N, C-alpha and C. Protein backbone atom coordinates (compact mmCIF):
# COMPACT_ATOMS: atom_id res chain seq x y z
N UNK A 1 -40.89 8.63 -2.69
CA UNK A 1 -40.72 7.16 -2.65
C UNK A 1 -41.70 6.57 -1.63
N UNK A 2 -42.47 5.59 -2.03
CA UNK A 2 -43.45 4.99 -1.13
C UNK A 2 -42.77 4.07 -0.13
N UNK A 3 -43.46 3.83 1.01
CA UNK A 3 -42.89 3.02 2.09
C UNK A 3 -42.62 1.59 1.65
N UNK A 4 -43.46 1.06 0.75
CA UNK A 4 -43.24 -0.32 0.34
C UNK A 4 -41.98 -0.50 -0.52
N UNK A 5 -41.45 0.64 -1.02
CA UNK A 5 -40.22 0.58 -1.82
C UNK A 5 -38.99 1.04 -1.03
N UNK A 6 -39.17 1.20 0.29
CA UNK A 6 -38.07 1.68 1.12
C UNK A 6 -37.90 0.75 2.31
N UNK A 7 -36.75 0.08 2.41
CA UNK A 7 -36.46 -0.86 3.50
C UNK A 7 -35.05 -0.63 4.01
N UNK A 8 -34.91 -0.60 5.34
CA UNK A 8 -33.58 -0.51 5.94
C UNK A 8 -33.11 -1.93 6.22
N UNK A 9 -31.96 -2.30 5.70
CA UNK A 9 -31.38 -3.64 5.91
C UNK A 9 -30.11 -3.50 6.74
N UNK A 10 -30.01 -4.27 7.82
CA UNK A 10 -28.78 -4.27 8.63
C UNK A 10 -28.22 -5.69 8.66
N UNK A 11 -27.49 -6.07 7.60
CA UNK A 11 -27.05 -7.46 7.49
C UNK A 11 -25.73 -7.77 8.19
N UNK A 12 -25.05 -6.76 8.76
CA UNK A 12 -23.71 -6.99 9.30
C UNK A 12 -23.70 -6.92 10.83
N UNK A 13 -22.72 -7.61 11.41
CA UNK A 13 -22.56 -7.57 12.86
C UNK A 13 -23.40 -8.63 13.56
N UNK A 14 -23.07 -8.94 14.82
CA UNK A 14 -23.79 -9.97 15.57
C UNK A 14 -25.18 -9.50 15.99
N UNK A 15 -26.09 -10.45 16.08
CA UNK A 15 -27.43 -10.12 16.55
C UNK A 15 -27.52 -10.31 18.06
N UNK A 16 -28.46 -9.60 18.66
CA UNK A 16 -28.74 -9.71 20.09
C UNK A 16 -30.22 -10.03 20.23
N UNK A 17 -30.54 -11.06 21.02
CA UNK A 17 -31.94 -11.40 21.26
C UNK A 17 -32.39 -10.81 22.59
N UNK A 18 -33.59 -10.27 22.64
CA UNK A 18 -34.16 -9.74 23.88
C UNK A 18 -35.35 -10.59 24.28
N UNK A 19 -35.28 -11.18 25.48
CA UNK A 19 -36.35 -12.02 26.01
C UNK A 19 -36.92 -11.39 27.27
N UNK A 20 -37.98 -11.96 27.79
CA UNK A 20 -38.57 -11.49 29.04
C UNK A 20 -38.65 -12.65 30.02
N UNK A 21 -37.96 -12.51 31.15
CA UNK A 21 -38.00 -13.53 32.19
C UNK A 21 -39.37 -13.59 32.84
N UNK A 22 -39.94 -14.78 33.02
CA UNK A 22 -41.20 -14.89 33.76
C UNK A 22 -41.02 -14.44 35.22
N UNK A 23 -42.05 -13.85 35.79
CA UNK A 23 -41.98 -13.34 37.16
C UNK A 23 -41.62 -14.42 38.17
N UNK A 24 -42.12 -15.65 37.95
CA UNK A 24 -41.85 -16.71 38.91
C UNK A 24 -40.36 -17.07 38.95
N UNK A 25 -39.68 -16.98 37.81
CA UNK A 25 -38.23 -17.25 37.79
C UNK A 25 -37.48 -16.13 38.50
N UNK A 26 -37.90 -14.87 38.27
CA UNK A 26 -37.28 -13.74 38.96
C UNK A 26 -37.41 -13.89 40.47
N UNK A 27 -38.60 -14.25 40.93
CA UNK A 27 -38.84 -14.42 42.37
C UNK A 27 -37.96 -15.51 42.96
N UNK A 28 -37.86 -16.65 42.27
CA UNK A 28 -37.06 -17.76 42.77
C UNK A 28 -35.56 -17.43 42.80
N UNK A 29 -35.09 -16.74 41.77
CA UNK A 29 -33.68 -16.36 41.73
C UNK A 29 -33.35 -15.33 42.81
N UNK A 30 -34.24 -14.38 43.03
CA UNK A 30 -34.01 -13.40 44.10
C UNK A 30 -34.03 -14.06 45.47
N UNK A 31 -34.91 -15.06 45.63
CA UNK A 31 -34.96 -15.81 46.88
C UNK A 31 -33.63 -16.55 47.11
N UNK A 32 -33.09 -17.11 46.04
CA UNK A 32 -31.79 -17.79 46.10
C UNK A 32 -30.69 -16.82 46.53
N UNK A 33 -30.64 -15.64 45.92
CA UNK A 33 -29.61 -14.65 46.24
C UNK A 33 -29.77 -14.15 47.67
N UNK A 34 -30.99 -13.85 48.09
CA UNK A 34 -31.22 -13.36 49.45
C UNK A 34 -30.80 -14.40 50.48
N UNK A 35 -30.98 -15.68 50.13
CA UNK A 35 -30.54 -16.75 51.03
C UNK A 35 -29.03 -16.80 51.16
N UNK A 36 -28.32 -16.53 50.08
CA UNK A 36 -26.86 -16.49 50.13
C UNK A 36 -26.39 -15.31 50.99
N UNK A 37 -27.01 -14.16 50.78
CA UNK A 37 -26.61 -12.94 51.50
C UNK A 37 -26.72 -13.14 53.00
N UNK A 38 -27.75 -13.85 53.44
CA UNK A 38 -27.98 -14.03 54.87
C UNK A 38 -27.18 -15.18 55.47
N UNK A 39 -26.44 -15.90 54.64
CA UNK A 39 -25.67 -17.05 55.09
C UNK A 39 -24.19 -16.84 54.77
N UNK A 40 -23.40 -16.51 55.78
CA UNK A 40 -21.99 -16.17 55.57
C UNK A 40 -21.22 -17.33 54.93
N UNK A 41 -21.52 -18.56 55.37
CA UNK A 41 -20.83 -19.73 54.83
C UNK A 41 -21.10 -19.88 53.33
N UNK A 42 -22.37 -19.73 52.94
CA UNK A 42 -22.73 -19.84 51.52
C UNK A 42 -22.12 -18.70 50.72
N UNK A 43 -22.07 -17.50 51.31
CA UNK A 43 -21.50 -16.35 50.61
C UNK A 43 -20.05 -16.62 50.24
N UNK A 44 -19.33 -17.27 51.13
CA UNK A 44 -17.92 -17.59 50.87
C UNK A 44 -17.82 -18.75 49.88
N UNK A 45 -18.67 -19.76 50.08
CA UNK A 45 -18.64 -20.96 49.24
C UNK A 45 -18.96 -20.66 47.78
N UNK A 46 -19.91 -19.75 47.55
CA UNK A 46 -20.36 -19.45 46.19
C UNK A 46 -19.77 -18.17 45.62
N UNK A 47 -18.81 -17.59 46.33
CA UNK A 47 -18.17 -16.36 45.84
C UNK A 47 -17.50 -16.62 44.49
N UNK A 48 -17.75 -15.74 43.53
CA UNK A 48 -17.24 -15.93 42.17
C UNK A 48 -16.46 -14.71 41.68
N UNK A 49 -16.22 -13.77 42.58
CA UNK A 49 -15.63 -12.50 42.22
C UNK A 49 -14.26 -12.59 41.56
N UNK A 50 -13.41 -13.50 42.03
CA UNK A 50 -12.05 -13.58 41.50
C UNK A 50 -12.02 -14.07 40.06
N UNK A 51 -13.09 -14.70 39.61
CA UNK A 51 -13.13 -15.25 38.24
C UNK A 51 -13.76 -14.31 37.23
N UNK A 52 -14.23 -13.14 37.68
CA UNK A 52 -14.97 -12.25 36.81
C UNK A 52 -14.30 -10.90 36.67
N UNK A 53 -14.68 -10.16 35.63
CA UNK A 53 -14.02 -8.89 35.31
C UNK A 53 -14.53 -7.73 36.15
N UNK A 54 -15.70 -7.87 36.74
CA UNK A 54 -16.35 -6.74 37.39
C UNK A 54 -15.60 -6.18 38.59
N UNK A 55 -15.64 -4.86 38.73
CA UNK A 55 -15.11 -4.17 39.90
C UNK A 55 -16.28 -3.96 40.88
N UNK A 56 -16.77 -5.09 41.39
CA UNK A 56 -17.90 -5.09 42.32
C UNK A 56 -17.57 -5.98 43.51
N UNK A 57 -18.29 -5.76 44.61
CA UNK A 57 -17.97 -6.48 45.85
C UNK A 57 -18.53 -7.89 45.89
N UNK A 58 -19.71 -8.12 45.30
CA UNK A 58 -20.36 -9.43 45.45
C UNK A 58 -20.81 -10.01 44.11
N UNK A 59 -20.24 -11.16 43.78
CA UNK A 59 -20.64 -11.93 42.60
C UNK A 59 -20.69 -13.41 43.03
N UNK A 60 -21.83 -14.05 42.82
CA UNK A 60 -22.05 -15.41 43.31
C UNK A 60 -22.25 -16.39 42.16
N UNK A 61 -21.74 -17.60 42.34
CA UNK A 61 -22.01 -18.68 41.39
C UNK A 61 -23.47 -19.10 41.51
N UNK A 62 -24.06 -19.47 40.37
CA UNK A 62 -25.39 -20.07 40.37
C UNK A 62 -25.19 -21.56 40.08
N UNK A 63 -25.63 -22.40 40.97
CA UNK A 63 -25.39 -23.83 40.84
C UNK A 63 -26.30 -24.46 39.79
N UNK A 64 -25.88 -25.59 39.22
CA UNK A 64 -26.72 -26.31 38.25
C UNK A 64 -28.09 -26.64 38.83
N UNK A 65 -28.13 -26.97 40.13
CA UNK A 65 -29.41 -27.31 40.77
C UNK A 65 -30.38 -26.13 40.76
N UNK A 66 -29.86 -24.93 41.01
CA UNK A 66 -30.69 -23.73 41.02
C UNK A 66 -31.14 -23.39 39.59
N UNK A 67 -30.24 -23.53 38.64
CA UNK A 67 -30.61 -23.28 37.25
C UNK A 67 -31.81 -24.13 36.84
N UNK A 68 -31.79 -25.38 37.29
CA UNK A 68 -32.86 -26.31 36.91
C UNK A 68 -34.13 -26.08 37.72
N UNK A 69 -34.00 -25.94 39.04
CA UNK A 69 -35.18 -25.85 39.90
C UNK A 69 -35.96 -24.55 39.71
N UNK A 70 -35.28 -23.46 39.34
CA UNK A 70 -35.97 -22.19 39.11
C UNK A 70 -36.65 -22.11 37.75
N UNK A 71 -36.29 -23.04 36.86
CA UNK A 71 -36.83 -23.00 35.51
C UNK A 71 -35.98 -22.19 34.55
N UNK A 72 -34.87 -21.61 35.06
CA UNK A 72 -34.03 -20.77 34.21
C UNK A 72 -33.34 -21.58 33.11
N UNK A 73 -32.90 -22.79 33.43
CA UNK A 73 -32.22 -23.62 32.44
C UNK A 73 -33.11 -23.86 31.22
N UNK A 74 -34.34 -24.23 31.46
CA UNK A 74 -35.29 -24.49 30.36
C UNK A 74 -35.59 -23.20 29.59
N UNK A 75 -35.75 -22.09 30.31
CA UNK A 75 -36.00 -20.79 29.69
C UNK A 75 -34.87 -20.41 28.74
N UNK A 76 -33.62 -20.57 29.20
CA UNK A 76 -32.46 -20.21 28.39
C UNK A 76 -32.29 -21.15 27.20
N UNK A 77 -32.49 -22.44 27.43
CA UNK A 77 -32.36 -23.41 26.34
C UNK A 77 -33.34 -23.10 25.22
N UNK A 78 -34.58 -22.81 25.59
CA UNK A 78 -35.60 -22.47 24.59
C UNK A 78 -35.28 -21.15 23.90
N UNK A 79 -34.82 -20.16 24.68
CA UNK A 79 -34.52 -18.86 24.13
C UNK A 79 -33.36 -18.89 23.16
N UNK A 80 -32.29 -19.58 23.53
CA UNK A 80 -31.12 -19.67 22.65
C UNK A 80 -31.48 -20.45 21.39
N UNK A 81 -32.24 -21.51 21.53
CA UNK A 81 -32.65 -22.31 20.36
C UNK A 81 -33.44 -21.45 19.37
N UNK A 82 -34.37 -20.65 19.90
CA UNK A 82 -35.18 -19.78 19.04
C UNK A 82 -34.32 -18.70 18.38
N UNK A 83 -33.42 -18.11 19.16
CA UNK A 83 -32.53 -17.06 18.65
C UNK A 83 -31.68 -17.56 17.49
N UNK A 84 -31.07 -18.76 17.67
CA UNK A 84 -30.21 -19.33 16.62
C UNK A 84 -31.03 -19.69 15.40
N UNK A 85 -32.23 -20.22 15.63
CA UNK A 85 -33.08 -20.61 14.50
C UNK A 85 -33.49 -19.39 13.67
N UNK A 86 -33.83 -18.28 14.36
CA UNK A 86 -34.27 -17.08 13.65
C UNK A 86 -33.10 -16.38 12.97
N UNK A 87 -31.96 -16.25 13.69
CA UNK A 87 -30.85 -15.47 13.16
C UNK A 87 -29.95 -16.25 12.21
N UNK A 88 -29.83 -17.57 12.43
CA UNK A 88 -28.91 -18.38 11.62
C UNK A 88 -29.61 -19.37 10.71
N UNK A 89 -30.93 -19.51 10.89
CA UNK A 89 -31.72 -20.49 10.12
C UNK A 89 -31.20 -21.91 10.33
N UNK A 90 -30.75 -22.16 11.57
CA UNK A 90 -30.25 -23.49 11.93
C UNK A 90 -30.85 -23.91 13.26
N UNK A 91 -30.98 -25.22 13.46
CA UNK A 91 -31.49 -25.74 14.72
C UNK A 91 -30.35 -26.36 15.52
N UNK A 92 -30.32 -26.06 16.82
CA UNK A 92 -29.28 -26.65 17.66
C UNK A 92 -29.84 -27.88 18.39
N UNK A 93 -28.94 -28.81 18.65
CA UNK A 93 -29.31 -30.01 19.41
C UNK A 93 -28.72 -29.97 20.82
N UNK A 94 -27.67 -29.16 20.98
CA UNK A 94 -26.95 -29.12 22.26
C UNK A 94 -26.99 -27.72 22.86
N UNK A 95 -27.23 -27.67 24.16
CA UNK A 95 -27.14 -26.43 24.92
C UNK A 95 -26.61 -26.77 26.30
N UNK A 96 -25.34 -26.44 26.55
CA UNK A 96 -24.69 -26.81 27.80
C UNK A 96 -24.13 -25.57 28.49
N UNK A 97 -24.72 -25.21 29.63
CA UNK A 97 -24.23 -24.07 30.39
C UNK A 97 -22.93 -24.45 31.07
N UNK A 98 -21.89 -23.65 30.88
CA UNK A 98 -20.60 -23.92 31.51
C UNK A 98 -20.37 -23.05 32.74
N UNK A 99 -21.11 -21.95 32.86
CA UNK A 99 -21.03 -21.13 34.06
C UNK A 99 -22.20 -20.16 34.11
N UNK A 100 -22.60 -19.83 35.34
CA UNK A 100 -23.66 -18.84 35.53
C UNK A 100 -23.39 -18.14 36.86
N UNK A 101 -23.71 -16.84 36.93
CA UNK A 101 -23.38 -16.10 38.14
C UNK A 101 -24.31 -14.90 38.31
N UNK A 102 -24.41 -14.47 39.57
CA UNK A 102 -25.19 -13.30 39.95
C UNK A 102 -24.22 -12.16 40.24
N UNK A 103 -24.54 -10.96 39.77
CA UNK A 103 -23.75 -9.76 40.08
C UNK A 103 -24.61 -8.82 40.91
N UNK A 104 -24.13 -8.48 42.10
CA UNK A 104 -24.77 -7.46 42.94
C UNK A 104 -23.93 -6.19 42.83
N UNK A 105 -24.42 -5.22 42.08
CA UNK A 105 -23.68 -3.99 41.83
C UNK A 105 -24.27 -2.85 42.65
N UNK A 106 -23.38 -2.08 43.30
CA UNK A 106 -23.81 -0.95 44.11
C UNK A 106 -23.10 0.33 43.66
N UNK A 107 -23.41 1.41 44.35
CA UNK A 107 -22.91 2.73 43.98
C UNK A 107 -21.40 2.73 43.73
N UNK A 108 -21.00 3.37 42.63
CA UNK A 108 -19.61 3.54 42.20
C UNK A 108 -18.97 2.27 41.62
N UNK A 109 -19.63 1.13 41.71
CA UNK A 109 -19.08 -0.09 41.13
C UNK A 109 -19.39 -0.15 39.63
N UNK A 110 -18.60 -0.94 38.91
CA UNK A 110 -18.77 -1.00 37.46
C UNK A 110 -18.19 -2.29 36.90
N UNK A 111 -18.50 -2.55 35.64
CA UNK A 111 -17.95 -3.70 34.94
C UNK A 111 -17.19 -3.17 33.72
N UNK A 112 -15.88 -3.33 33.65
CA UNK A 112 -15.13 -2.79 32.51
C UNK A 112 -15.41 -3.58 31.23
N UNK A 113 -14.95 -3.06 30.11
CA UNK A 113 -15.14 -3.73 28.82
C UNK A 113 -14.53 -5.13 28.87
N UNK A 114 -15.31 -6.13 28.49
CA UNK A 114 -14.83 -7.51 28.54
C UNK A 114 -15.68 -8.38 27.62
N UNK A 115 -15.26 -9.63 27.46
CA UNK A 115 -16.04 -10.62 26.73
C UNK A 115 -16.11 -11.88 27.57
N UNK A 116 -16.80 -12.91 27.06
CA UNK A 116 -17.04 -14.12 27.84
C UNK A 116 -16.44 -15.36 27.18
N UNK A 117 -16.55 -16.49 27.88
CA UNK A 117 -16.13 -17.79 27.36
C UNK A 117 -17.32 -18.50 26.71
N UNK A 118 -17.04 -19.65 26.11
CA UNK A 118 -18.10 -20.46 25.53
C UNK A 118 -18.45 -20.04 24.12
N UNK A 119 -19.69 -20.26 23.72
CA UNK A 119 -20.20 -19.89 22.40
C UNK A 119 -21.21 -18.76 22.49
N UNK A 120 -22.15 -18.89 23.44
CA UNK A 120 -23.19 -17.88 23.62
C UNK A 120 -23.23 -17.44 25.08
N UNK A 121 -23.66 -16.22 25.29
CA UNK A 121 -23.74 -15.66 26.64
C UNK A 121 -25.03 -14.88 26.78
N UNK A 122 -25.29 -14.43 28.00
CA UNK A 122 -26.48 -13.62 28.21
C UNK A 122 -26.48 -12.96 29.56
N UNK A 123 -27.35 -11.96 29.70
CA UNK A 123 -27.51 -11.27 30.98
C UNK A 123 -28.97 -10.89 31.15
N UNK A 124 -29.47 -11.06 32.37
CA UNK A 124 -30.84 -10.69 32.70
C UNK A 124 -30.88 -9.91 34.00
N UNK A 125 -32.00 -9.22 34.25
CA UNK A 125 -32.06 -8.28 35.37
C UNK A 125 -33.14 -8.68 36.38
N UNK A 126 -32.71 -8.77 37.65
CA UNK A 126 -33.56 -9.27 38.72
C UNK A 126 -34.01 -8.19 39.70
N UNK A 127 -33.19 -7.14 39.84
CA UNK A 127 -33.48 -6.07 40.79
C UNK A 127 -32.72 -4.84 40.33
N UNK A 128 -33.38 -3.65 40.34
CA UNK A 128 -32.73 -2.45 39.82
C UNK A 128 -33.00 -1.25 40.71
N UNK A 129 -32.08 -0.28 40.70
CA UNK A 129 -32.28 0.95 41.50
C UNK A 129 -33.50 1.74 41.00
N UNK A 130 -34.12 2.47 41.92
CA UNK A 130 -35.23 3.36 41.53
C UNK A 130 -34.71 4.52 40.69
N UNK A 131 -33.49 4.97 40.99
CA UNK A 131 -32.84 5.95 40.13
C UNK A 131 -31.34 5.71 40.16
N UNK A 132 -30.66 6.17 39.13
CA UNK A 132 -29.23 5.87 38.97
C UNK A 132 -28.35 7.09 39.24
N UNK A 133 -28.95 8.19 39.69
CA UNK A 133 -28.19 9.41 39.90
C UNK A 133 -27.99 10.15 38.59
N UNK A 134 -27.60 11.41 38.68
CA UNK A 134 -27.43 12.25 37.49
C UNK A 134 -25.98 12.26 37.02
N UNK A 135 -25.75 12.52 35.74
CA UNK A 135 -24.37 12.74 35.27
C UNK A 135 -23.77 13.93 36.01
N UNK A 136 -22.46 13.94 36.18
CA UNK A 136 -21.81 14.96 37.00
C UNK A 136 -21.95 16.37 36.44
N UNK A 137 -21.81 16.55 35.12
CA UNK A 137 -21.68 17.89 34.57
C UNK A 137 -22.92 18.39 33.84
N UNK A 138 -23.47 17.61 32.95
CA UNK A 138 -24.54 18.11 32.09
C UNK A 138 -25.76 17.20 32.20
N UNK A 139 -26.77 17.64 32.92
CA UNK A 139 -27.96 16.81 33.12
C UNK A 139 -28.82 16.70 31.88
N UNK A 140 -28.50 17.46 30.82
CA UNK A 140 -29.24 17.38 29.57
C UNK A 140 -28.75 16.23 28.68
N UNK A 141 -27.59 15.69 29.02
CA UNK A 141 -27.07 14.56 28.25
C UNK A 141 -27.90 13.30 28.55
N UNK A 142 -27.87 12.35 27.63
CA UNK A 142 -28.45 11.05 27.93
C UNK A 142 -27.69 10.46 29.10
N UNK A 143 -28.41 9.97 30.08
CA UNK A 143 -27.79 9.47 31.31
C UNK A 143 -27.40 8.00 31.14
N UNK A 144 -26.09 7.67 31.09
CA UNK A 144 -25.67 6.29 30.90
C UNK A 144 -25.54 5.51 32.20
N UNK A 145 -25.76 6.15 33.35
CA UNK A 145 -25.53 5.51 34.65
C UNK A 145 -26.31 4.20 34.76
N UNK A 146 -25.59 3.11 35.09
CA UNK A 146 -26.23 1.81 35.27
C UNK A 146 -26.56 1.08 33.99
N UNK A 147 -26.30 1.72 32.83
CA UNK A 147 -26.58 1.06 31.55
C UNK A 147 -25.55 -0.01 31.23
N UNK A 148 -25.95 -0.96 30.37
CA UNK A 148 -24.99 -1.88 29.77
C UNK A 148 -24.72 -1.38 28.35
N UNK A 149 -23.46 -1.41 27.96
CA UNK A 149 -23.06 -0.97 26.63
C UNK A 149 -22.51 -2.16 25.86
N UNK A 150 -23.12 -2.47 24.70
CA UNK A 150 -22.61 -3.52 23.82
C UNK A 150 -21.74 -2.86 22.76
N UNK A 151 -20.59 -3.47 22.49
CA UNK A 151 -19.57 -2.83 21.63
C UNK A 151 -19.11 -3.83 20.58
N UNK A 152 -19.06 -3.36 19.30
CA UNK A 152 -18.58 -4.24 18.23
C UNK A 152 -18.04 -3.40 17.08
N UNK A 153 -16.82 -3.70 16.64
CA UNK A 153 -16.25 -3.01 15.49
C UNK A 153 -15.88 -1.58 15.80
N UNK A 154 -15.80 -0.77 14.75
CA UNK A 154 -15.42 0.63 14.87
C UNK A 154 -16.53 1.50 14.29
N UNK A 155 -16.70 2.70 14.85
CA UNK A 155 -17.71 3.61 14.34
C UNK A 155 -17.32 4.10 12.95
N UNK A 156 -18.22 3.94 12.03
CA UNK A 156 -18.00 4.39 10.65
C UNK A 156 -19.28 5.02 10.15
N UNK A 157 -19.23 5.58 8.95
CA UNK A 157 -20.44 6.12 8.34
C UNK A 157 -21.51 5.03 8.26
N UNK A 158 -22.70 5.35 8.76
CA UNK A 158 -23.85 4.44 8.69
C UNK A 158 -23.68 3.18 9.54
N UNK A 159 -22.74 3.23 10.50
CA UNK A 159 -22.51 2.05 11.33
C UNK A 159 -21.96 2.47 12.68
N UNK A 160 -22.77 2.31 13.73
CA UNK A 160 -22.29 2.60 15.08
C UNK A 160 -21.46 1.44 15.61
N UNK A 161 -20.60 1.74 16.57
CA UNK A 161 -19.77 0.69 17.17
C UNK A 161 -20.29 0.23 18.52
N UNK A 162 -21.26 0.95 19.09
CA UNK A 162 -21.77 0.55 20.41
C UNK A 162 -23.23 0.98 20.55
N UNK A 163 -23.91 0.33 21.47
CA UNK A 163 -25.28 0.70 21.79
C UNK A 163 -25.46 0.58 23.30
N UNK A 164 -26.02 1.61 23.92
CA UNK A 164 -26.28 1.60 25.36
C UNK A 164 -27.72 1.17 25.62
N UNK A 165 -27.88 0.27 26.59
CA UNK A 165 -29.21 -0.26 26.91
C UNK A 165 -29.50 0.00 28.38
N UNK A 166 -30.65 0.60 28.65
CA UNK A 166 -31.09 0.79 30.03
C UNK A 166 -31.83 -0.46 30.47
N UNK A 167 -31.36 -1.16 31.50
CA UNK A 167 -32.00 -2.41 31.93
C UNK A 167 -33.40 -2.17 32.51
N UNK A 168 -34.25 -3.16 32.34
CA UNK A 168 -35.54 -3.22 33.00
C UNK A 168 -35.66 -4.59 33.65
N UNK A 169 -36.30 -4.66 34.79
CA UNK A 169 -36.44 -5.95 35.49
C UNK A 169 -37.14 -6.95 34.57
N UNK A 170 -36.53 -8.12 34.44
CA UNK A 170 -37.08 -9.17 33.58
C UNK A 170 -36.49 -9.21 32.19
N UNK A 171 -35.85 -8.13 31.76
CA UNK A 171 -35.20 -8.15 30.45
C UNK A 171 -34.04 -9.14 30.47
N UNK A 172 -33.91 -9.92 29.41
CA UNK A 172 -32.81 -10.87 29.29
C UNK A 172 -32.26 -10.78 27.87
N UNK A 173 -30.96 -10.53 27.75
CA UNK A 173 -30.32 -10.36 26.45
C UNK A 173 -29.38 -11.53 26.18
N UNK A 174 -29.48 -12.10 24.97
CA UNK A 174 -28.60 -13.17 24.51
C UNK A 174 -27.68 -12.60 23.45
N UNK A 175 -26.40 -12.99 23.48
CA UNK A 175 -25.43 -12.48 22.51
C UNK A 175 -24.28 -13.45 22.34
N UNK A 176 -23.54 -13.36 21.23
CA UNK A 176 -22.36 -14.22 21.05
C UNK A 176 -21.33 -13.91 22.13
N UNK A 177 -20.61 -14.92 22.58
CA UNK A 177 -19.68 -14.76 23.70
C UNK A 177 -18.63 -13.68 23.45
N UNK A 178 -18.25 -13.45 22.17
CA UNK A 178 -17.17 -12.52 21.85
C UNK A 178 -17.61 -11.06 21.82
N UNK A 179 -18.93 -10.80 21.95
CA UNK A 179 -19.42 -9.43 21.88
C UNK A 179 -18.97 -8.66 23.12
N UNK A 180 -18.14 -7.65 22.92
CA UNK A 180 -17.63 -6.87 24.04
C UNK A 180 -18.77 -6.09 24.68
N UNK A 181 -18.69 -5.92 26.00
CA UNK A 181 -19.71 -5.14 26.70
C UNK A 181 -19.15 -4.62 28.02
N UNK A 182 -19.82 -3.62 28.55
CA UNK A 182 -19.40 -3.00 29.80
C UNK A 182 -20.63 -2.48 30.52
N UNK A 183 -20.52 -2.29 31.84
CA UNK A 183 -21.61 -1.73 32.63
C UNK A 183 -21.11 -0.48 33.34
N UNK A 184 -21.85 0.62 33.18
CA UNK A 184 -21.46 1.89 33.80
C UNK A 184 -21.81 1.92 35.29
N UNK A 185 -21.06 2.69 36.07
CA UNK A 185 -21.43 2.88 37.48
C UNK A 185 -22.68 3.73 37.62
N UNK A 186 -23.24 3.75 38.82
CA UNK A 186 -24.39 4.61 39.10
C UNK A 186 -24.23 5.19 40.50
N UNK A 187 -25.14 6.11 40.87
CA UNK A 187 -24.95 6.86 42.11
C UNK A 187 -26.26 6.93 42.90
N UNK A 188 -26.55 5.83 43.59
CA UNK A 188 -27.68 5.78 44.51
C UNK A 188 -27.39 4.66 45.50
N UNK A 189 -28.24 4.53 46.52
CA UNK A 189 -27.99 3.52 47.56
C UNK A 189 -28.62 2.17 47.23
N UNK A 190 -29.28 2.05 46.08
CA UNK A 190 -29.98 0.81 45.73
C UNK A 190 -29.05 -0.21 45.07
N UNK A 191 -29.57 -1.42 44.92
CA UNK A 191 -28.81 -2.52 44.31
C UNK A 191 -29.24 -2.74 42.86
N UNK A 192 -28.26 -3.00 42.01
CA UNK A 192 -28.51 -3.42 40.63
C UNK A 192 -28.11 -4.89 40.56
N UNK A 193 -29.09 -5.79 40.43
CA UNK A 193 -28.84 -7.24 40.51
C UNK A 193 -29.10 -7.89 39.15
N UNK A 194 -28.09 -8.59 38.65
CA UNK A 194 -28.23 -9.25 37.35
C UNK A 194 -27.73 -10.68 37.42
N UNK A 195 -28.14 -11.47 36.43
CA UNK A 195 -27.66 -12.85 36.31
C UNK A 195 -27.12 -13.05 34.90
N UNK A 196 -25.97 -13.71 34.80
CA UNK A 196 -25.34 -13.96 33.50
C UNK A 196 -25.02 -15.44 33.35
N UNK A 197 -24.74 -15.84 32.11
CA UNK A 197 -24.34 -17.23 31.85
C UNK A 197 -23.45 -17.29 30.61
N UNK A 198 -22.69 -18.36 30.53
CA UNK A 198 -21.95 -18.76 29.33
C UNK A 198 -22.37 -20.18 28.99
N UNK A 199 -22.51 -20.47 27.70
CA UNK A 199 -22.92 -21.81 27.30
C UNK A 199 -22.28 -22.19 25.97
N UNK A 200 -22.26 -23.49 25.72
CA UNK A 200 -21.80 -24.01 24.43
C UNK A 200 -22.98 -24.63 23.70
N UNK A 201 -22.98 -24.48 22.38
CA UNK A 201 -23.99 -25.11 21.54
C UNK A 201 -23.27 -26.07 20.59
N UNK A 202 -23.94 -26.55 19.57
CA UNK A 202 -23.34 -27.48 18.61
C UNK A 202 -22.12 -26.84 17.94
N UNK A 203 -21.01 -27.55 17.93
CA UNK A 203 -19.79 -27.02 17.31
C UNK A 203 -19.99 -26.72 15.83
N UNK A 204 -20.75 -27.54 15.14
CA UNK A 204 -20.91 -27.31 13.70
C UNK A 204 -21.82 -26.13 13.39
N UNK A 205 -22.61 -25.66 14.38
CA UNK A 205 -23.41 -24.46 14.22
C UNK A 205 -22.57 -23.24 14.57
N UNK A 206 -21.80 -23.35 15.65
CA UNK A 206 -20.98 -22.22 16.09
C UNK A 206 -19.82 -21.95 15.15
N UNK A 207 -19.15 -23.00 14.72
CA UNK A 207 -17.94 -22.84 13.90
C UNK A 207 -18.33 -22.64 12.43
N UNK A 208 -18.36 -21.39 12.01
CA UNK A 208 -18.80 -21.07 10.66
C UNK A 208 -17.77 -21.49 9.61
N UNK A 209 -16.57 -21.89 10.07
CA UNK A 209 -15.52 -22.29 9.12
C UNK A 209 -15.51 -23.81 8.91
N UNK A 210 -16.39 -24.52 9.64
CA UNK A 210 -16.40 -25.98 9.52
C UNK A 210 -17.06 -26.41 8.20
């Protein structure tokens, strides 16, 4: 059978968009986080840990002012618009971020399986460990340490239920808010720093039953 007569089609399940954060946005966001870390009052004021699922020590709110001044708001608005247009063949008019936060994850910390609020969500990576440590028993296995795992449905013939992704600095993933995901722990002294958001788009685009 020739290649032109052979095509793999994956029409089921939610799509995930992968974008690349510009270096200048990464630098500005890291500067924002480092400023919070060095300021005890700000660390308390912007603490967001009680509102999130993660079993981590430090999670900070990202203010609307920072979203705008760093250029992240415009980056996300354009990215989500393109993602919806490509995957749904529809154009959105509204993009409203309802929450955004930074996660500082360290050794032995993790994020259990969870989902988000809103319509669309995303996560991007600002700082990562040089190594994540080895699995405890079998170093020949694929090492999931520090990976994010996206989960949907049940494993069946010709259909996986999850995919593990190794983060790279600047990678930004967009996904529907209901897509379950988790982050594995790792074993090194470095920091794994990420930024996430939840947003709402046009109700008539999101609500497929309308």
